[in-house]
Protein backbone atom coordinates (compact mmCIF):
# COMPACT_ATOMS: atom_id res chain seq x y z
CA MET A 1 0.00 0.00 0.00
CA LEU A 2 2.85 2.35 0.90
CA ILE A 3 4.53 1.71 -2.42
CA LYS A 4 1.35 2.65 -4.30
CA LEU A 5 1.08 5.92 -2.37
CA LEU A 6 4.64 7.04 -3.08
CA PRO A 7 3.96 8.32 -6.66
CA ILE A 8 0.95 10.28 -5.41
CA VAL A 9 2.96 11.83 -2.56
CA PHE A 10 5.78 12.72 -4.97
CA VAL A 11 3.42 14.52 -7.35
CA PHE A 12 1.79 16.33 -4.43
CA LEU A 13 5.15 17.52 -3.06
CA LEU A 14 6.25 18.58 -6.52
CA SER A 15 3.10 20.65 -6.98
CA ILE A 16 3.67 22.34 -3.62
CA SER A 17 7.32 23.14 -4.40
CA CYS A 18 6.33 24.76 -7.70
CA SER A 19 3.35 26.66 -6.35
CA GLY A 20 5.45 29.78 -5.81
CA TYR A 21 6.25 30.09 -9.51
CA LYS A 22 4.13 31.35 -12.33
CA VAL A 23 4.60 32.04 -16.00
CA VAL A 24 5.26 35.74 -16.59
CA GLU A 25 4.69 37.17 -20.02
CA ASN A 26 7.64 39.19 -21.27
CA LYS A 27 5.84 42.23 -22.64
CA SER A 28 6.69 45.87 -23.12
CA SER A 29 5.91 48.11 -20.15
CA PHE A 30 4.75 50.74 -22.63
CA LYS A 31 1.60 48.67 -23.17
CA LYS A 32 0.23 49.89 -19.85
CA TYR A 33 -0.30 53.23 -21.54
CA GLY A 34 -1.58 51.85 -24.82
CA ILE A 35 1.77 52.48 -26.49
CA ASP A 36 2.77 49.78 -28.96
CA SER A 37 5.07 51.86 -31.15
CA ILE A 38 7.32 54.87 -30.70
CA SER A 39 9.45 57.10 -32.88
CA ILE A 40 12.82 58.46 -31.81
CA PRO A 41 13.68 61.72 -33.58
CA MET A 42 17.28 62.93 -33.56
CA PHE A 43 18.19 64.01 -30.04
CA PHE A 44 18.48 67.77 -29.58
CA ASN A 45 21.95 69.01 -28.72
CA LYS A 46 21.90 71.79 -26.13
CA SER A 47 25.45 71.06 -24.98
CA THR A 48 28.75 72.73 -25.80
CA LEU A 49 29.97 69.61 -27.61
CA ALA A 50 29.43 69.10 -31.32
CA ASP A 51 28.16 65.91 -32.96
CA VAL A 52 26.79 64.21 -29.83
CA SER A 53 23.14 63.96 -30.93
CA ALA A 54 23.63 61.08 -33.37
CA LYS A 55 25.52 58.98 -30.82
CA PHE A 56 22.72 59.15 -28.28
CA THR A 57 19.97 58.73 -30.87
CA THR A 58 21.62 55.60 -32.26
CA SER A 59 22.24 54.05 -28.83
CA PHE A 60 18.69 54.63 -27.59
CA THR A 61 17.18 53.34 -30.84
CA GLN A 62 19.27 50.17 -30.73
CA GLU A 63 18.52 49.53 -27.05
CA LEU A 64 14.76 50.05 -27.36
CA TYR A 65 14.65 47.71 -30.37
CA SER A 66 15.31 44.90 -27.90
CA ILE A 67 12.14 45.58 -25.88
CA PRO A 68 9.56 42.88 -26.65
CA ASP A 69 6.35 43.99 -28.36
CA LEU A 70 7.59 47.55 -28.84
CA GLU A 71 7.82 48.69 -32.46
CA ILE A 72 10.30 51.42 -33.37
CA LYS A 73 8.99 53.52 -36.22
CA SER A 74 10.47 56.24 -38.39
CA PRO A 75 10.51 59.75 -36.88
CA ASN A 76 8.32 60.76 -39.83
CA SER A 77 5.75 58.06 -39.16
CA LYS A 78 2.10 59.07 -39.04
CA THR A 79 1.00 55.93 -37.18
CA ASN A 80 3.30 55.87 -34.13
CA ASP A 81 1.71 55.93 -30.69
CA ALA A 82 4.36 58.09 -29.05
CA TYR A 83 7.68 59.89 -29.42
CA LEU A 84 10.79 59.59 -27.29
CA ILE A 85 12.40 63.03 -27.24
CA GLY A 86 15.95 63.35 -25.95
CA ILE A 87 17.88 66.52 -25.12
CA VAL A 88 21.62 66.52 -24.41
CA ARG A 89 22.51 69.32 -21.99
CA SER A 90 25.73 70.59 -20.46
CA ALA A 91 27.13 73.61 -18.65
CA PRO A 92 26.90 76.81 -20.72
CA ASN A 93 30.66 76.81 -21.36
CA GLU A 94 33.13 74.15 -22.39
CA SER A 95 35.15 74.43 -19.18
CA GLY A 96 32.05 73.30 -17.31
CA THR A 97 31.46 70.41 -19.72
CA LEU A 98 35.02 69.09 -19.72
CA VAL A 99 36.20 69.87 -16.21
CA ARG A 100 39.91 69.64 -15.48
CA GLY A 101 40.60 66.51 -13.47
CA ASP A 102 42.99 66.00 -10.59
CA LEU A 103 45.85 64.73 -12.74
CA ALA A 104 47.90 67.36 -14.58
CA ALA A 105 51.56 67.85 -15.36
CA LYS A 106 53.94 70.48 -16.67
CA ILE A 107 54.44 70.38 -20.41
CA LYS A 108 58.23 70.39 -19.97
CA ASP A 109 57.90 67.15 -18.01
CA LEU A 110 55.43 65.55 -20.42
CA ALA A 111 57.45 66.44 -23.52
CA PRO A 112 61.10 66.96 -22.56
CA ASN A 113 62.21 66.95 -26.20
CA ARG A 114 59.98 69.86 -27.24
CA GLY A 115 58.67 71.47 -24.06
CA GLN A 116 61.90 72.82 -22.60
CA GLY A 117 61.18 75.65 -20.20
CA ASN A 118 57.38 75.38 -20.64
CA GLU A 119 55.97 75.50 -17.11
CA ASN A 120 52.33 75.49 -18.25
CA LEU A 121 50.17 72.66 -16.95
CA LEU A 122 48.52 70.29 -19.39
CA PRO A 123 45.55 68.38 -17.94
CA ILE A 124 45.88 64.64 -18.44
CA THR A 125 42.41 63.88 -17.16
CA ASN A 126 39.13 65.68 -17.69
CA ILE A 127 35.70 65.00 -16.25
CA LEU A 128 32.95 64.91 -18.88
CA LYS A 129 29.66 66.22 -17.47
CA LEU A 130 26.38 65.97 -19.40
CA LYS A 131 22.68 65.52 -18.68
CA ILE A 132 20.24 63.63 -20.87
CA ASP A 133 16.62 64.78 -20.55
CA LEU A 134 14.06 62.29 -21.86
CA PHE A 135 10.38 62.88 -22.60
CA LEU A 136 7.98 60.19 -23.72
CA ILE A 137 5.18 62.08 -25.48
CA ARG A 138 1.95 60.44 -26.48
CA ARG A 139 0.97 61.19 -30.07
CA SER A 140 -1.72 63.89 -30.21
CA PRO A 141 -2.72 66.87 -32.35
CA GLU A 142 -0.28 68.90 -30.21
CA SER A 143 2.71 66.60 -30.69
CA ASN A 144 4.50 68.81 -33.19
CA SER A 145 4.09 71.95 -31.08
CA LEU A 146 5.29 70.07 -28.01
CA ILE A 147 8.40 68.83 -29.79
CA SER A 148 9.05 72.32 -31.15
CA ALA A 149 8.75 73.69 -27.63
CA LEU A 150 11.72 71.60 -26.61
CA ARG A 151 13.86 73.80 -28.84
CA SER A 152 12.68 76.98 -27.16
CA LYS A 153 14.17 78.82 -24.21
CA ARG A 154 11.00 78.07 -22.24
CA TYR A 155 12.00 74.42 -21.94
CA PRO A 156 11.65 72.55 -19.62
CA GLU A 157 9.21 74.65 -17.54
CA LEU A 158 6.74 74.80 -20.42
CA LEU A 159 6.38 71.02 -20.41
CA ALA A 160 6.33 70.47 -16.66
CA SER A 161 2.75 69.20 -16.47
CA HIS A 162 1.50 68.63 -20.01
CA PRO A 163 -1.07 65.79 -20.19
CA SER A 164 0.59 64.25 -23.27
CA ILE A 165 3.85 63.64 -21.41
CA VAL A 166 3.80 60.06 -20.20
CA LEU A 167 7.31 59.98 -18.77
CA LYS A 168 10.05 62.46 -17.84
CA LYS A 169 13.53 61.33 -16.84
CA THR A 170 16.98 62.89 -16.54
CA ILE A 171 20.13 60.77 -16.74
CA PRO A 172 23.30 62.48 -15.49
CA ILE A 173 26.67 61.62 -17.00
CA SER A 174 29.96 62.20 -15.19
CA THR A 175 32.96 60.22 -16.38
CA THR A 176 36.72 60.57 -16.74
CA VAL A 177 38.37 61.24 -20.10
CA ILE A 178 42.07 60.40 -20.19
CA ARG A 179 44.13 62.36 -22.70
CA GLU A 180 46.94 60.96 -24.80
CA VAL A 181 50.15 62.94 -24.61
CA TYR A 182 53.06 62.44 -27.00
CA ASP A 183 56.58 63.40 -26.21
CA GLU A 184 57.33 64.20 -29.86
CA ASP A 185 54.10 65.99 -30.69
CA PHE A 186 52.40 67.20 -27.55
CA VAL A 187 50.86 70.25 -29.22
CA VAL A 188 49.36 68.57 -32.29
CA ASN A 189 47.49 65.79 -30.53
CA SER A 190 44.03 67.36 -30.61
CA THR A 191 42.80 64.96 -33.31
CA GLN A 192 43.79 61.92 -31.30
CA ASN A 193 42.20 63.30 -28.14
CA HIS A 194 39.04 64.19 -30.03
CA GLY A 195 38.84 60.53 -31.05
CA ILE A 196 39.23 59.48 -27.41
CA LEU A 197 36.43 61.86 -26.40
CA ASN A 198 34.17 60.43 -29.11
CA LYS A 199 34.76 56.88 -27.83
CA VAL A 200 33.90 57.94 -24.29
CA ILE A 201 30.70 59.66 -25.45
CA LYS A 202 29.65 56.58 -27.43
CA SER A 203 30.25 54.40 -24.40
CA GLU A 204 28.27 56.73 -22.13
CA ALA A 205 25.44 56.91 -24.68
CA LYS A 206 25.12 53.10 -24.57
CA LYS A 207 25.13 53.14 -20.76
CA ALA A 208 22.47 55.86 -20.66
CA ALA A 209 20.25 53.95 -23.09
CA LEU A 210 20.59 50.77 -21.02
CA THR A 211 19.83 52.70 -17.82
CA PHE A 212 16.68 54.11 -19.41
CA LYS A 213 15.49 50.71 -20.62
CA GLU A 214 16.13 49.06 -17.25
CA SER A 215 14.38 51.86 -15.38
CA ILE A 216 11.17 51.65 -17.40
CA ASN A 217 9.81 48.74 -15.36
CA TYR A 218 10.29 50.77 -12.17
CA VAL A 219 9.08 54.13 -13.47
CA PHE A 220 5.91 52.97 -15.20
């Protein structure tokens, strides 16, 4: 009799052990607001750095493509449910955007072959400081005027409580940029350092996009 009961007991225990689990559908959190598709226009650049908009636009588009059940449509689409508007901001001057870091050295020490007698300090590290403002705007007859308002000096106060704004989020960026210094050519290294800055911005754009995607489940 005991042997016959063993299979029944096993099934019962198995059902109890699994009772804490349930199948969860992996769906887009945007669906809570009836948003199945979004468009991502080119991010607006309100920073002191040139050519940063495309890097952030590309990273956010690529990251949001991976969200299940969320369709990414062309910025010119007439059938999208919402727009994700991004604004890259910085301090009003470049010295506030690329802040001198703690590590600096005299040019004569960095480039003894060409910097003899040059006591000026050359920063080896800079701190890149940016802010990414994000607005998820539900498509409406006022969408175009809302997006245009982002370009105006009245931003962001103008949009503080607009009913079409589903989500507002700011992602701060503060990261170290390490310069390359050449003994033979310490003056003409701006091109190389510009390339380093571009790589850092691309990396930070990817991080910001991932942060936004991961935060959606907590914000919505």
